PDB file of N, CA and C in Angstrom:
ATOM      1  N   MET A   1      68.775 -97.349 172.775  1.00  0.00           N
ATOM      2  CA  MET A   1      68.158 -98.549 173.407  1.00  0.00           C
ATOM      3  C   MET A   1      69.383 -99.549 173.784  1.00  0.00           C
ATOM      4  N   SER A   2      69.299 -99.551 175.302  1.00  0.00           N
ATOM      5  CA  SER A   2      70.557-100.567 175.624  1.00  0.00           C
ATOM      6  C   SER A   2      70.423-102.105 175.231  1.00  0.00           C
ATOM      7  N   SER A   3      71.617-102.512 175.347  1.00  0.00           N
ATOM      8  CA  SER A   3      71.438-103.692 174.831  1.00  0.00           C
ATOM      9  C   SER A   3      70.552-104.911 175.943  1.00  0.00           C
ATOM     10  N   SER A   4      70.588-104.626 177.173  1.00  0.00           N
ATOM     11  CA  SER A   4      69.641-105.531 177.693  1.00  0.00           C
ATOM     12  C   SER A   4      68.407-105.195 177.534  1.00  0.00           C
ATOM     13  N   ILE A   5      67.856-103.872 177.470  1.00  0.00           N
ATOM     14  CA  ILE A   5      66.326-104.026 177.052  1.00  0.00           C
ATOM     15  C   ILE A   5      66.117-104.669 175.390  1.00  0.00           C
ATOM     16  N   ALA A   6      67.158-104.706 174.613  1.00  0.00           N
ATOM     17  CA  ALA A   6      66.951-105.199 173.292  1.00  0.00           C
ATOM     18  C   ALA A   6      66.989-106.961 173.641  1.00  0.00           C
ATOM     19  N   LEU A   7      67.820-107.426 174.437  1.00  0.00           N
ATOM     20  CA  LEU A   7      67.625-108.469 174.918  1.00  0.00           C
ATOM     21  C   LEU A   7      66.204-109.044 175.537  1.00  0.00           C
ATOM     22  N   TYR A   8      65.895-108.417 176.232  1.00  0.00           N
ATOM     23  CA  TYR A   8      64.430-108.803 176.616  1.00  0.00           C
ATOM     24  C   TYR A   8      63.814-108.765 175.695  1.00  0.00           C
ATOM     25  N   GLU A   9      63.480-107.681 174.681  1.00  0.00           N
ATOM     26  CA  GLU A   9      62.550-107.718 173.622  1.00  0.00           C
ATOM     27  C   GLU A   9      62.634-108.772 172.902  1.00  0.00           C
ATOM     28  N   ALA A  10      63.982-109.297 172.804  1.00  0.00           N
ATOM     29  CA  ALA A  10      63.989-110.239 171.785  1.00  0.00           C
ATOM     30  C   ALA A  10      63.736-111.425 172.308  1.00  0.00           C
ATOM     31  N   LEU A  11      63.910-111.586 173.686  1.00  0.00           N
ATOM     32  CA  LEU A  11      63.388-112.829 174.525  1.00  0.00           C
ATOM     33  C   LEU A  11      61.984-113.048 174.587  1.00  0.00           C
ATOM     34  N   THR A  12      61.305-111.955 174.773  1.00  0.00           N
ATOM     35  CA  THR A  12      59.504-111.971 174.829  1.00  0.00           C
ATOM     36  C   THR A  12      59.092-112.265 173.447  1.00  0.00           C
ATOM     37  N   ASN A  13      59.806-111.829 172.311  1.00  0.00           N
ATOM     38  CA  ASN A  13      59.149-111.675 170.898  1.00  0.00           C
ATOM     39  C   ASN A  13      59.495-113.314 170.518  1.00  0.00           C
ATOM     40  N   ALA A  14      60.373-113.819 171.054  1.00  0.00           N
ATOM     41  CA  ALA A  14      60.665-115.164 170.527  1.00  0.00           C
ATOM     42  C   ALA A  14      59.367-116.337 170.354  1.00  0.00           C
ATOM     43  N   PRO A  15      59.047-116.811 169.157  1.00  0.00           N
ATOM     44  CA  PRO A  15      58.034-117.643 169.119  1.00  0.00           C
ATOM     45  C   PRO A  15      57.955-118.824 170.298  1.00  0.00           C
ATOM     46  N   ASP A  16      59.149-119.480 170.423  1.00  0.00           N
ATOM     47  CA  ASP A  16      59.416-120.744 171.112  1.00  0.00           C
ATOM     48  C   ASP A  16      60.568-120.856 172.079  1.00  0.00           C
ATOM     49  N   GLU A  17      60.618-121.845 172.562  1.00  0.00           N
ATOM     50  CA  GLU A  17      61.840-121.996 173.598  1.00  0.00           C
ATOM     51  C   GLU A  17      63.198-121.868 172.696  1.00  0.00           C
ATOM     52  N   HIS A  18      63.169-122.660 171.402  1.00  0.00           N
ATOM     53  CA  HIS A  18      64.274-122.906 170.529  1.00  0.00           C
ATOM     54  C   HIS A  18      64.615-121.470 170.467  1.00  0.00           C
ATOM     55  N   ALA A  19      63.857-120.672 169.974  1.00  0.00           N
ATOM     56  CA  ALA A  19      64.296-119.303 169.540  1.00  0.00           C
ATOM     57  C   ALA A  19      64.896-118.749 170.499  1.00  0.00           C
ATOM     58  N   ARG A  20      64.323-118.599 171.675  1.00  0.00           N
ATOM     59  CA  ARG A  20      64.665-117.849 173.024  1.00  0.00           C
ATOM     60  C   ARG A  20      66.530-118.348 173.191  1.00  0.00           C
ATOM     61  N   ALA A  21      66.423-119.733 173.386  1.00  0.00           N
ATOM     62  CA  ALA A  21      67.656-120.018 173.624  1.00  0.00           C
ATOM     63  C   ALA A  21      68.809-119.407 172.261  1.00  0.00           C
ATOM     64  N   ARG A  22      68.235-119.549 171.287  1.00  0.00           N
ATOM     65  CA  ARG A  22      69.234-118.874 170.534  1.00  0.00           C
ATOM     66  C   ARG A  22      69.554-117.493 170.194  1.00  0.00           C
ATOM     67  N   VAL A  23      68.364-116.805 171.224  1.00  0.00           N
ATOM     68  CA  VAL A  23      68.556-115.348 171.367  1.00  0.00           C
ATOM     69  C   VAL A  23      69.861-115.024 172.374  1.00  0.00           C
ATOM     70  N   ILE A  24      69.376-115.860 173.362  1.00  0.00           N
ATOM     71  CA  ILE A  24      70.409-116.135 174.657  1.00  0.00           C
ATOM     72  C   ILE A  24      71.537-116.208 174.347  1.00  0.00           C
ATOM     73  N   ALA A  25      71.891-117.501 173.478  1.00  0.00           N
ATOM     74  CA  ALA A  25      73.064-117.727 172.753  1.00  0.00           C
ATOM     75  C   ALA A  25      74.001-116.780 171.981  1.00  0.00           C
ATOM     76  N   GLU A  26      73.127-115.988 171.515  1.00  0.00           N
ATOM     77  CA  GLU A  26      73.590-115.214 170.559  1.00  0.00           C
ATOM     78  C   GLU A  26      74.173-113.718 171.393  1.00  0.00           C
ATOM     79  N   ALA A  27      73.456-113.418 172.457  1.00  0.00           N
ATOM     80  CA  ALA A  27      73.696-112.628 173.659  1.00  0.00           C
ATOM     81  C   ALA A  27      75.023-112.785 174.019  1.00  0.00           C
ATOM     82  N   PHE A  28      75.194-114.359 174.473  1.00  0.00           N
ATOM     83  CA  PHE A  28      76.627-114.153 174.933  1.00  0.00           C
ATOM     84  C   PHE A  28      77.655-114.264 174.217  1.00  0.00           C
ATOM     85  N   GLU A  29      77.373-114.542 172.494  1.00  0.00           N
ATOM     86  CA  GLU A  29      78.432-114.287 171.938  1.00  0.00           C
ATOM     87  C   GLU A  29      78.776-113.135 171.577  1.00  0.00           C
ATOM     88  N   ARG A  30      78.058-112.053 171.438  1.00  0.00           N
ATOM     89  CA  ARG A  30      78.035-110.791 171.630  1.00  0.00           C
ATOM     90  C   ARG A  30      78.897-110.229 172.627  1.00  0.00           C
ATOM     91  N   LEU A  31      78.371-111.043 173.924  1.00  0.00           N
ATOM     92  CA  LEU A  31      79.305-110.364 175.170  1.00  0.00           C
ATOM     93  C   LEU A  31      80.778-110.652 174.802  1.00  0.00           C
ATOM     94  N   GLU A  32      81.020-112.001 174.410  1.00  0.00           N
ATOM     95  CA  GLU A  32      82.074-112.318 174.691  1.00  0.00           C
ATOM     96  C   GLU A  32      83.009-111.819 173.423  1.00  0.00           C
ATOM     97  N   GLU A  33      82.408-111.294 172.398  1.00  0.00           N
ATOM     98  CA  GLU A  33      83.190-110.435 171.230  1.00  0.00           C
ATOM     99  C   GLU A  33      83.614-109.327 171.935  1.00  0.00           C
ATOM    100  N   ARG A  34      82.578-108.451 172.574  1.00  0.00           N
ATOM    101  CA  ARG A  34      82.925-107.153 173.042  1.00  0.00           C
ATOM    102  C   ARG A  34      83.606-107.146 174.426  1.00  0.00           C
ATOM    103  N   TYR A  35      83.785-108.298 175.184  1.00  0.00           N
ATOM    104  CA  TYR A  35      84.736-108.472 176.122  1.00  0.00           C
ATOM    105  C   TYR A  35      85.391-109.815 176.181  1.00  0.00           C
ATOM    106  N   PRO A  36      86.636-109.685 175.260  1.00  0.00           N
ATOM    107  CA  PRO A  36      87.184-111.054 175.131  1.00  0.00           C
ATOM    108  C   PRO A  36      88.337-111.587 176.610  1.00  0.00           C
ATOM    109  N   HIS A  37      88.122-110.534 177.344  1.00  0.00           N
ATOM    110  CA  HIS A  37      89.423-111.033 178.270  1.00  0.00           C
ATOM    111  C   HIS A  37      88.177-111.315 179.555  1.00  0.00           C
ATOM    112  N   LEU A  38      86.888-111.358 179.094  1.00  0.00           N
ATOM    113  CA  LEU A  38      86.109-111.800 180.257  1.00  0.00           C
ATOM    114  C   LEU A  38      86.424-113.100 180.964  1.00  0.00           C
ATOM    115  N   PRO A  39      86.848-114.223 180.575  1.00  0.00           N
ATOM    116  CA  PRO A  39      87.028-115.411 181.069  1.00  0.00           C
ATOM    117  C   PRO A  39      88.294-115.332 182.092  1.00  0.00           C
ATOM    118  N   ASP A  40      88.954-114.304 181.824  1.00  0.00           N
ATOM    119  CA  ASP A  40      90.437-114.314 182.342  1.00  0.00           C
ATOM    120  C   ASP A  40      90.208-113.439 183.596  1.00  0.00           C
ATOM    121  N   LEU A  41      88.906-112.937 183.969  1.00  0.00           N
ATOM    122  CA  LEU A  41      88.448-112.005 185.154  1.00  0.00           C
ATOM    123  C   LEU A  41      88.470-112.850 186.503  1.00  0.00           C
ATOM    124  N   VAL A  42      88.953-112.442 187.318  1.00  0.00           N
ATOM    125  CA  VAL A  42      88.639-113.266 188.822  1.00  0.00           C
ATOM    126  C   VAL A  42      87.819-112.637 189.600  1.00  0.00           C
ATOM    127  N   THR A  43      87.531-113.312 190.769  1.00  0.00           N
ATOM    128  CA  THR A  43      86.578-112.925 191.759  1.00  0.00           C
ATOM    129  C   THR A  43      87.044-112.536 192.784  1.00  0.00           C
ATOM    130  N   GLN A  44      86.636-111.716 194.066  1.00  0.00           N
ATOM    131  CA  GLN A  44      87.243-111.566 195.003  1.00  0.00           C
ATOM    132  C   GLN A  44      87.566-112.865 195.650  1.00  0.00           C
ATOM    133  N   GLY A  45      86.504-113.767 195.539  1.00  0.00           N
ATOM    134  CA  GLY A  45      86.926-115.285 196.218  1.00  0.00           C
ATOM    135  C   GLY A  45      88.241-116.040 195.421  1.00  0.00           C
ATOM    136  N   HIS A  46      88.446-115.864 194.247  1.00  0.00           N
ATOM    137  CA  HIS A  46      89.678-116.117 193.495  1.00  0.00           C
ATOM    138  C   HIS A  46      90.791-115.267 194.364  1.00  0.00           C
ATOM    139  N   LEU A  47      90.841-114.062 194.107  1.00  0.00           N
ATOM    140  CA  LEU A  47      91.681-113.304 195.007  1.00  0.00           C
ATOM    141  C   LEU A  47      92.114-113.731 196.392  1.00  0.00           C
ATOM    142  N   ARG A  48      91.293-113.796 197.024  1.00  0.00           N
ATOM    143  CA  ARG A  48      91.514-114.554 198.096  1.00  0.00           C
ATOM    144  C   ARG A  48      92.110-115.737 198.337  1.00  0.00           C
ATOM    145  N   GLU A  49      91.630-116.892 197.962  1.00  0.00           N
ATOM    146  CA  GLU A  49      92.165-117.910 197.774  1.00  0.00           C
ATOM    147  C   GLU A  49      93.895-117.997 197.332  1.00  0.00           C
ATOM    148  N   THR A  50      93.874-117.501 196.061  1.00  0.00           N
ATOM    149  CA  THR A  50      95.222-116.800 195.769  1.00  0.00           C
ATOM    150  C   THR A  50      96.120-116.307 196.844  1.00  0.00           C
ATOM    151  N   GLU A  51      95.716-115.637 197.577  1.00  0.00           N
ATOM    152  CA  GLU A  51      96.392-114.818 198.508  1.00  0.00           C
ATOM    153  C   GLU A  51      96.613-115.794 199.964  1.00  0.00           C
ATOM    154  N   LEU A  52      95.463-116.463 200.087  1.00  0.00           N
ATOM    155  CA  LEU A  52      95.856-117.552 201.303  1.00  0.00           C
ATOM    156  C   LEU A  52      96.969-118.635 200.839  1.00  0.00           C
ATOM    157  N   ARG A  53      97.028-118.681 199.695  1.00  0.00           N
ATOM    158  CA  ARG A  53      98.187-119.846 198.709  1.00  0.00           C
ATOM    159  C   ARG A  53      99.200-119.278 199.032  1.00  0.00           C
ATOM    160  N   LEU A  54      99.257-118.066 198.452  1.00  0.00           N
ATOM    161  CA  LEU A  54     100.763-117.579 198.515  1.00  0.00           C
ATOM    162  C   LEU A  54     101.292-116.996 200.222  1.00  0.00           C
ATOM    163  N   GLN A  55     100.357-116.839 200.741  1.00  0.00           N
ATOM    164  CA  GLN A  55     100.797-116.504 202.174  1.00  0.00           C
ATOM    165  C   GLN A  55     101.477-117.943 202.850  1.00  0.00           C
ATOM    166  N   HIS A  56     100.463-119.050 202.506  1.00  0.00           N
ATOM    167  CA  HIS A  56     100.969-120.120 203.099  1.00  0.00           C
ATOM    168  C   HIS A  56     102.449-120.513 202.265  1.00  0.00           C
ATOM    169  N   GLU A  57     102.659-120.161 201.123  1.00  0.00           N
ATOM    170  CA  GLU A  57     103.765-120.634 200.386  1.00  0.00           C
ATOM    171  C   GLU A  57     104.756-119.817 201.062  1.00  0.00           C
ATOM    172  N   ILE A  58     104.708-118.555 201.251  1.00  0.00           N
ATOM    173  CA  ILE A  58     105.521-117.580 201.989  1.00  0.00           C
ATOM    174  C   ILE A  58     106.211-117.929 203.298  1.00  0.00           C
ATOM    175  N   GLU A  59     105.134-118.472 204.250  1.00  0.00           N
ATOM    176  CA  GLU A  59     105.442-118.999 205.624  1.00  0.00           C
ATOM    177  C   GLU A  59     106.264-120.142 205.295  1.00  0.00           C
ATOM    178  N   ARG A  60     105.906-121.032 204.189  1.00  0.00           N
ATOM    179  CA  ARG A  60     106.639-122.437 204.505  1.00  0.00           C
ATOM    180  C   ARG A  60     108.131-122.186 204.142  1.00  0.00           C
ATOM    181  N   VAL A  61     108.334-121.134 202.918  1.00  0.00           N
ATOM    182  CA  VAL A  61     109.614-120.860 202.543  1.00  0.00           C
ATOM    183  C   VAL A  61     110.512-120.044 203.631  1.00  0.00           C
ATOM    184  N   ARG A  62     109.810-119.279 204.487  1.00  0.00           N
ATOM    185  CA  ARG A  62     110.365-118.596 205.452  1.00  0.00           C
ATOM    186  C   ARG A  62     110.861-119.396 206.612  1.00  0.00           C
ATOM    187  N   SER A  63     109.907-120.385 207.030  1.00  0.00           N
ATOM    188  CA  SER A  63     110.307-121.653 207.977  1.00  0.00           C
ATOM    189  C   SER A  63     111.479-122.523 207.212  1.00  0.00           C
ATOM    190  N   GLU A  64     111.520-122.547 206.222  1.00  0.00           N
ATOM    191  CA  GLU A  64     112.880-123.326 205.524  1.00  0.00           C
ATOM    192  C   GLU A  64     114.317-122.522 205.557  1.00  0.00           C
ATOM    193  N   LEU A  65     113.703-121.041 205.300  1.00  0.00           N
ATOM    194  CA  LEU A  65     114.960-120.334 205.433  1.00  0.00           C
ATOM    195  C   LEU A  65     115.481-120.381 206.718  1.00  0.00           C
ATOM    196  N   LYS A  66     114.663-120.379 207.655  1.00  0.00           N
ATOM    197  CA  LYS A  66     115.216-120.175 209.208  1.00  0.00           C
ATOM    198  C   LYS A  66     115.886-121.350 209.520  1.00  0.00           C
ATOM    199  N   VAL A  67     115.538-122.823 209.389  1.00  0.00           N
ATOM    200  CA  VAL A  67     115.953-123.968 209.338  1.00  0.00           C
ATOM    201  C   VAL A  67     117.564-123.664 208.474  1.00  0.00           C
ATOM    202  N   ASP A  68     117.522-123.094 207.101  1.00  0.00           N
ATOM    203  CA  ASP A  68     119.144-123.134 206.467  1.00  0.00           C
ATOM    204  C   ASP A  68     119.998-122.290 207.383  1.00  0.00           C
ATOM    205  N   ILE A  69     119.524-120.956 207.655  1.00  0.00           N
ATOM    206  CA  ILE A  69     120.085-120.153 208.328  1.00  0.00           C
ATOM    207  C   ILE A  69     120.719-120.683 209.721  1.00  0.00           C
ATOM    208  N   GLU A  70     119.906-121.523 210.215  1.00  0.00           N
ATOM    209  CA  GLU A  70     120.501-121.938 211.726  1.00  0.00           C
ATOM    210  C   GLU A  70     121.749-122.781 211.388  1.00  0.00           C
ATOM    211  N   GLN A  71     121.271-123.678 210.152  1.00  0.00           N
ATOM    212  CA  GLN A  71     122.537-124.728 209.789  1.00  0.00           C
ATOM    213  C   GLN A  71     123.823-124.053 209.511  1.00  0.00           C
ATOM    214  N   VAL A  72     123.423-122.932 208.748  1.00  0.00           N
ATOM    215  CA  VAL A  72     124.645-122.174 208.027  1.00  0.00           C
ATOM    216  C   VAL A  72     125.284-121.607 209.382  1.00  0.00           C
ATOM    217  N   ARG A  73     124.744-121.391 210.154  1.00  0.00           N
ATOM    218  CA  ARG A  73     125.166-120.674 211.392  1.00  0.00           C
ATOM    219  C   ARG A  73     126.155-121.815 212.116  1.00  0.00           C
ATOM    220  N   ALA A  74     125.399-122.644 212.451  1.00  0.00           N
ATOM    221  CA  ALA A  74     126.154-123.707 213.208  1.00  0.00           C
ATOM    222  C   ALA A  74     127.445-124.401 212.265  1.00  0.00           C
ATOM    223  N   GLU A  75     127.270-124.464 211.245  1.00  0.00           N
ATOM    224  CA  GLU A  75     128.791-124.564 210.299  1.00  0.00           C
ATOM    225  C   GLU A  75     129.475-123.749 210.533  1.00  0.00           C
ATOM    226  N   LEU A  76     129.165-122.708 210.291  1.00  0.00           N
ATOM    227  CA  LEU A  76     129.933-121.332 210.846  1.00  0.00           C
ATOM    228  C   LEU A  76     130.791-121.159 211.997  1.00  0.00           C
ATOM    229  N   LYS A  77     130.356-121.655 212.907  1.00  0.00           N
ATOM    230  CA  LYS A  77     130.504-121.595 214.170  1.00  0.00           C
ATOM    231  C   LYS A  77     131.880-122.533 214.299  1.00  0.00           C
ATOM    232  N   VAL A  78     131.666-124.001 213.873  1.00  0.00           N
ATOM    233  CA  VAL A  78     132.410-124.995 213.908  1.00  0.00           C
ATOM    234  C   VAL A  78     133.698-124.847 212.899  1.00  0.00           C
ATOM    235  N   ASP A  79     133.476-123.910 212.002  1.00  0.00           N
ATOM    236  CA  ASP A  79     134.394-123.584 211.088  1.00  0.00           C
ATOM    237  C   ASP A  79     135.393-122.503 211.675  1.00  0.00           C
ATOM    238  N   ILE A  80     134.939-121.530 212.595  1.00  0.00           N
ATOM    239  CA  ILE A  80     135.404-120.652 213.032  1.00  0.00           C
ATOM    240  C   ILE A  80     136.360-121.115 214.260  1.00  0.00           C
ATOM    241  N   GLU A  81     135.808-122.042 215.010  1.00  0.00           N
ATOM    242  CA  GLU A  81     136.925-122.622 216.290  1.00  0.00           C
ATOM    243  C   GLU A  81     137.702-123.371 215.690  1.00  0.00           C
ATOM    244  N   GLN A  82     137.499-124.008 214.257  1.00  0.00           N
ATOM    245  CA  GLN A  82     138.600-124.793 213.960  1.00  0.00           C
ATOM    246  C   GLN A  82     139.767-123.812 213.643  1.00  0.00           C
ATOM    247  N   LEU A  83     139.323-122.697 212.642  1.00  0.00           N
ATOM    248  CA  LEU A  83     140.435-121.692 212.164  1.00  0.00           C
ATOM    249  C   LEU A  83     140.753-120.907 213.487  1.00  0.00           C
ATOM    250  N   ARG A  84     140.350-120.861 214.767  1.00  0.00           N
ATOM    251  CA  ARG A  84     141.131-120.394 215.735  1.00  0.00           C
ATOM    252  C   ARG A  84     141.948-121.216 216.150  1.00  0.00           C
ATOM    253  N   ALA A  85     141.715-122.446 216.203  1.00  0.00           N
ATOM    254  CA  ALA A  85     142.533-123.367 216.816  1.00  0.00           C
ATOM    255  C   ALA A  85     143.497-123.693 215.979  1.00  0.00           C
ATOM    256  N   GLU A  86     143.687-123.446 214.794  1.00  0.00           N
ATOM    257  CA  GLU A  86     144.893-123.386 213.773  1.00  0.00           C
ATOM    258  C   GLU A  86     145.499-122.174 213.947  1.00  0.00           C
ATOM    259  N   LEU A  87     144.926-121.133 214.083  1.00  0.00           N
ATOM    260  CA  LEU A  87     145.802-119.808 214.437  1.00  0.00           C
ATOM    261  C   LEU A  87     146.573-119.721 215.645  1.00  0.00           C
ATOM    262  N   LYS A  88     146.011-120.408 216.549  1.00  0.00           N
ATOM    263  CA  LYS A  88     147.044-120.671 217.865  1.00  0.00           C
ATOM    264  C   LYS A  88     147.981-121.432 217.363  1.00  0.00           C
ATOM    265  N   LEU A  89     147.850-122.667 216.880  1.00  0.00           N
ATOM    266  CA  LEU A  89     148.769-123.231 216.776  1.00  0.00           C
ATOM    267  C   LEU A  89     150.163-122.570 215.710  1.00  0.00           C
ATOM    268  N   ASP A  90     149.374-121.962 214.797  1.00  0.00           N
ATOM    269  CA  ASP A  90     150.360-121.016 213.703  1.00  0.00           C
ATOM    270  C   ASP A  90     151.086-120.301 214.650  1.00  0.00           C
ATOM    271  N   ILE A  91     150.768-119.266 215.560  1.00  0.00           N
ATOM    272  CA  ILE A  91     150.774-118.556 216.238  1.00  0.00           C
ATOM    273  C   ILE A  91     152.109-118.784 217.290  1.00  0.00           C
ATOM    274  N   GLU A  92     152.163-120.024 217.861  1.00  0.00           N
ATOM    275  CA  GLU A  92     152.760-120.635 218.685  1.00  0.00           C
ATOM    276  C   GLU A  92     154.103-121.040 218.000  1.00  0.00           C
ATOM    277  N   ARG A  93     153.975-121.948 216.949  1.00  0.00           N
ATOM    278  CA  ARG A  93     154.794-122.170 215.862  1.00  0.00           C
ATOM    279  C   ARG A  93     155.779-120.873 215.398  1.00  0.00           C
ATOM    280  N   LEU A  94     155.152-119.701 215.281  1.00  0.00           N
ATOM    281  CA  LEU A  94     155.893-118.687 214.852  1.00  0.00           C
ATOM    282  C   LEU A  94     156.472-118.162 216.017  1.00  0.00           C
ATOM    283  N   ARG A  95     155.770-118.049 217.390  1.00  0.00           N
ATOM    284  CA  ARG A  95     156.685-117.455 218.350  1.00  0.00           C
ATOM    285  C   ARG A  95     158.174-118.635 218.508  1.00  0.00           C
ATOM    286  N   GLY A  96     158.179-120.028 218.348  1.00  0.00           N
ATOM    287  CA  GLY A  96     159.050-120.646 218.640  1.00  0.00           C
ATOM    288  C   GLY A  96     160.048-120.661 217.684  1.00  0.00           C
ATOM    289  N   GLU A  97     159.641-120.139 216.434  1.00  0.00           N
ATOM    290  CA  GLU A  97     160.428-119.899 215.417  1.00  0.00           C
ATOM    291  C   GLU A  97     161.471-118.784 215.473  1.00  0.00           C
ATOM    292  N   VAL A  98     160.745-117.291 216.015  1.00  0.00           N
ATOM    293  CA  VAL A  98     161.243-116.344 216.318  1.00  0.00           C
ATOM    294  C   VAL A  98     162.486-116.456 217.394  1.00  0.00           C
ATOM    295  N   ALA A  99     161.987-117.370 218.536  1.00  0.00           N
ATOM    296  CA  ALA A  99     162.972-117.275 219.768  1.00  0.00           C
ATOM    297  C   ALA A  99     164.141-118.216 219.136  1.00  0.00           C
ATOM    298  N   ARG A 100     164.074-119.133 218.509  1.00  0.00           N
ATOM    299  CA  ARG A 100     165.094-119.900 217.964  1.00  0.00           C
ATOM    300  C   ARG A 100     166.070-119.080 217.033  1.00  0.00           C
ATOM    301  N   THR A 101     165.364-118.310 216.065  1.00  0.00           N
ATOM    302  CA  THR A 101     165.929-117.311 215.278  1.00  0.00           C
ATOM    303  C   THR A 101     166.858-116.320 216.235  1.00  0.00           C
ATOM    304  N   LYS A 102     166.247-115.790 217.348  1.00  0.00           N
ATOM    305  CA  LYS A 102     167.029-114.657 218.289  1.00  0.00           C
ATOM    306  C   LYS A 102     167.870-115.305 218.839  1.00  0.00           C
ATOM    307  N   VAL A 103     167.907-116.729 219.396  1.00  0.00           N
ATOM    308  CA  VAL A 103     169.298-117.554 219.836  1.00  0.00           C
ATOM    309  C   VAL A 103     170.068-117.651 218.908  1.00  0.00           C
ATOM    310  N   ASP A 104     169.677-118.062 217.503  1.00  0.00           N
ATOM    311  CA  ASP A 104     170.915-118.214 216.147  1.00  0.00           C
ATOM    312  C   ASP A 104     171.525-116.833 216.448  1.00  0.00           C
ATOM    313  N   LEU A 105     170.881-115.798 216.162  1.00  0.00           N
ATOM    314  CA  LEU A 105     171.525-114.580 216.076  1.00  0.00           C
ATOM    315  C   LEU A 105     172.496-114.107 217.151  1.00  0.00           C
ATOM    316  N   LEU A 106     171.987-114.454 218.362  1.00  0.00           N
ATOM    317  CA  LEU A 106     172.870-114.344 219.618  1.00  0.00           C
ATOM    318  C   LEU A 106     174.073-114.825 219.538  1.00  0.00           C
ATOM    319  N   LYS A 107     173.915-116.504 219.048  1.00  0.00           N
ATOM    320  CA  LYS A 107     175.092-117.248 218.720  1.00  0.00           C
ATOM    321  C   LYS A 107     176.278-116.571 217.791  1.00  0.00           C
ATOM    322  N   TRP A 108     175.838-115.739 217.156  1.00  0.00           N
ATOM    323  CA  TRP A 108     176.857-115.466 215.947  1.00  0.00           C
ATOM    324  C   TRP A 108     177.297-113.785 216.454  1.00  0.00           C
ATOM    325  N   LEU A 109     176.663-113.224 217.109  1.00  0.00           N
ATOM    326  CA  LEU A 109     176.561-111.432 217.684  1.00  0.00           C
ATOM    327  C   LEU A 109     177.820-111.649 218.365  1.00  0.00           C
ATOM    328  N   VAL A 110     177.320-112.379 219.543  1.00  0.00           N
ATOM    329  CA  VAL A 110     178.620-112.579 220.804  1.00  0.00           C
ATOM    330  C   VAL A 110     179.540-112.848 220.451  1.00  0.00           C
ATOM    331  N   PRO A 111     180.025-113.648 219.692  1.00  0.00           N
ATOM    332  CA  PRO A 111     181.509-114.084 219.003  1.00  0.00           C
ATOM    333  C   PRO A 111     181.930-112.951 218.236  1.00  0.00           C
ATOM    334  N   LEU A 112     180.918-112.359 217.326  1.00  0.00           N
ATOM    335  CA  LEU A 112     181.669-111.587 216.428  1.00  0.00           C
ATOM    336  C   LEU A 112     182.069-109.909 217.300  1.00  0.00           C
ATOM    337  N   MET A 113     181.390-109.600 218.509  1.00  0.00           N
ATOM    338  CA  MET A 113     181.321-108.627 218.864  1.00  0.00           C
ATOM    339  C   MET A 113     182.784-108.792 220.008  1.00  0.00           C
ATOM    340  N   PHE A 114     182.860-109.897 220.111  1.00  0.00           N
ATOM    341  CA  PHE A 114     184.401-110.267 220.711  1.00  0.00           C
ATOM    342  C   PHE A 114     185.528-110.140 220.082  1.00  0.00           C
ATOM    343  N   ALA A 115     185.098-110.612 218.746  1.00  0.00           N
ATOM    344  CA  ALA A 115     186.518-110.592 217.787  1.00  0.00           C
ATOM    345  C   ALA A 115     186.504-109.006 217.323  1.00  0.00           C
ATOM    346  N   GLN A 116     185.397-108.145 217.352  1.00  0.00           N
ATOM    347  CA  GLN A 116     185.682-106.744 217.002  1.00  0.00           C
ATOM    348  C   GLN A 116     186.525-106.232 217.819  1.00  0.00           C
ATOM    349  N   VAL A 117     186.006-106.494 219.318  1.00  0.00           N
ATOM    350  CA  VAL A 117     187.097-105.935 220.457  1.00  0.00           C
ATOM    351  C   VAL A 117     188.469-106.430 220.413  1.00  0.00           C
ATOM    352  N   VAL A 118     188.685-107.570 220.179  1.00  0.00           N
ATOM    353  CA  VAL A 118     189.918-108.249 220.036  1.00  0.00           C
ATOM    354  C   VAL A 118     190.704-107.293 218.764  1.00  0.00           C
ATOM    355  N   ALA A 119     190.076-107.575 217.730  1.00  0.00           N
ATOM    356  CA  ALA A 119     190.636-106.915 216.856  1.00  0.00           C
ATOM    357  C   ALA A 119     191.040-105.282 216.889  1.00  0.00           C
ATOM    358  N   ILE A 120     190.095-104.461 217.572  1.00  0.00           N
ATOM    359  CA  ILE A 120     190.269-103.201 218.061  1.00  0.00           C
ATOM    360  C   ILE A 120     191.594-102.913 218.850  1.00  0.00           C
ATOM    361  N   ALA A 121     191.529-103.633 219.799  1.00  0.00           N
ATOM    362  CA  ALA A 121     192.575-103.954 220.747  1.00  0.00           C
ATOM    363  C   ALA A 121     194.218-104.024 219.831  1.00  0.00           C
ATOM    364  N   ALA A 122     194.136-104.922 218.928  1.00  0.00           N
ATOM    365  CA  ALA A 122     195.303-105.276 218.279  1.00  0.00           C
ATOM    366  C   ALA A 122     195.600-104.052 217.420  1.00  0.00           C
ATOM    367  N   LEU A 123     194.784-103.466 216.847  1.00  0.00           N
ATOM    368  CA  LEU A 123     194.975-102.310 215.821  1.00  0.00           C
ATOM    369  C   LEU A 123     195.505-101.128 217.044  1.00  0.00           C
ATOM    370  N   VAL A 124     195.152-101.160 218.079  1.00  0.00           N
ATOM    371  CA  VAL A 124     195.170-100.263 219.131  1.00  0.00           C
ATOM    372  C   VAL A 124     196.734-100.270 219.565  1.00  0.00           C
ATOM    373  N   LYS A 125     197.043-101.541 219.610  1.00  0.00           N
ATOM    374  CA  LYS A 125     198.457-101.967 220.251  1.00  0.00           C
ATOM    375  C   LYS A 125     199.424-101.651 219.234  1.00  0.00           C
ATOM    376  N   LEU A 126     198.827-101.938 217.906  1.00  0.00           N
ATOM    377  CA  LEU A 126     199.843-101.621 216.649  1.00  0.00           C
ATOM    378  C   LEU A 126     200.359 -99.947 216.371  1.00  0.00           C
ATOM    379  N   LEU A 127     199.364 -99.382 216.733  1.00  0.00           N
ATOM    380  CA  LEU A 127     199.719 -97.839 216.770  1.00  0.00           C
ATOM    381  C   LEU A 127     200.432 -97.373 218.133  1.00  0.00           C
TER     382      LEU A 127
END
């Protein structure tokens, strides 16, 4: 015999309202003992409500991320432009240093070459 039929018979055989209420309370108690996780079950409505809340939260986070990404992009553009300007200055400074070094080398090489020619001519005369 199933439990619902037993509950029906117990309710119909109860002598008064107090006894019926006790039978119903005992039925609920047995139900809770048999299914202890019953209060944790959710309905489709609960799931839909949770889904909608999560979708709303995801959209909020997505929009915040878009704003943050745009801010980071703007900051990076500024940083990149600053670095380009600094690199151009560094390159121009290095070009100037290379040109000065070239001039300094020529200042030393030309007189040394003449000195070598004079020294070789003097050695040739001595021989």
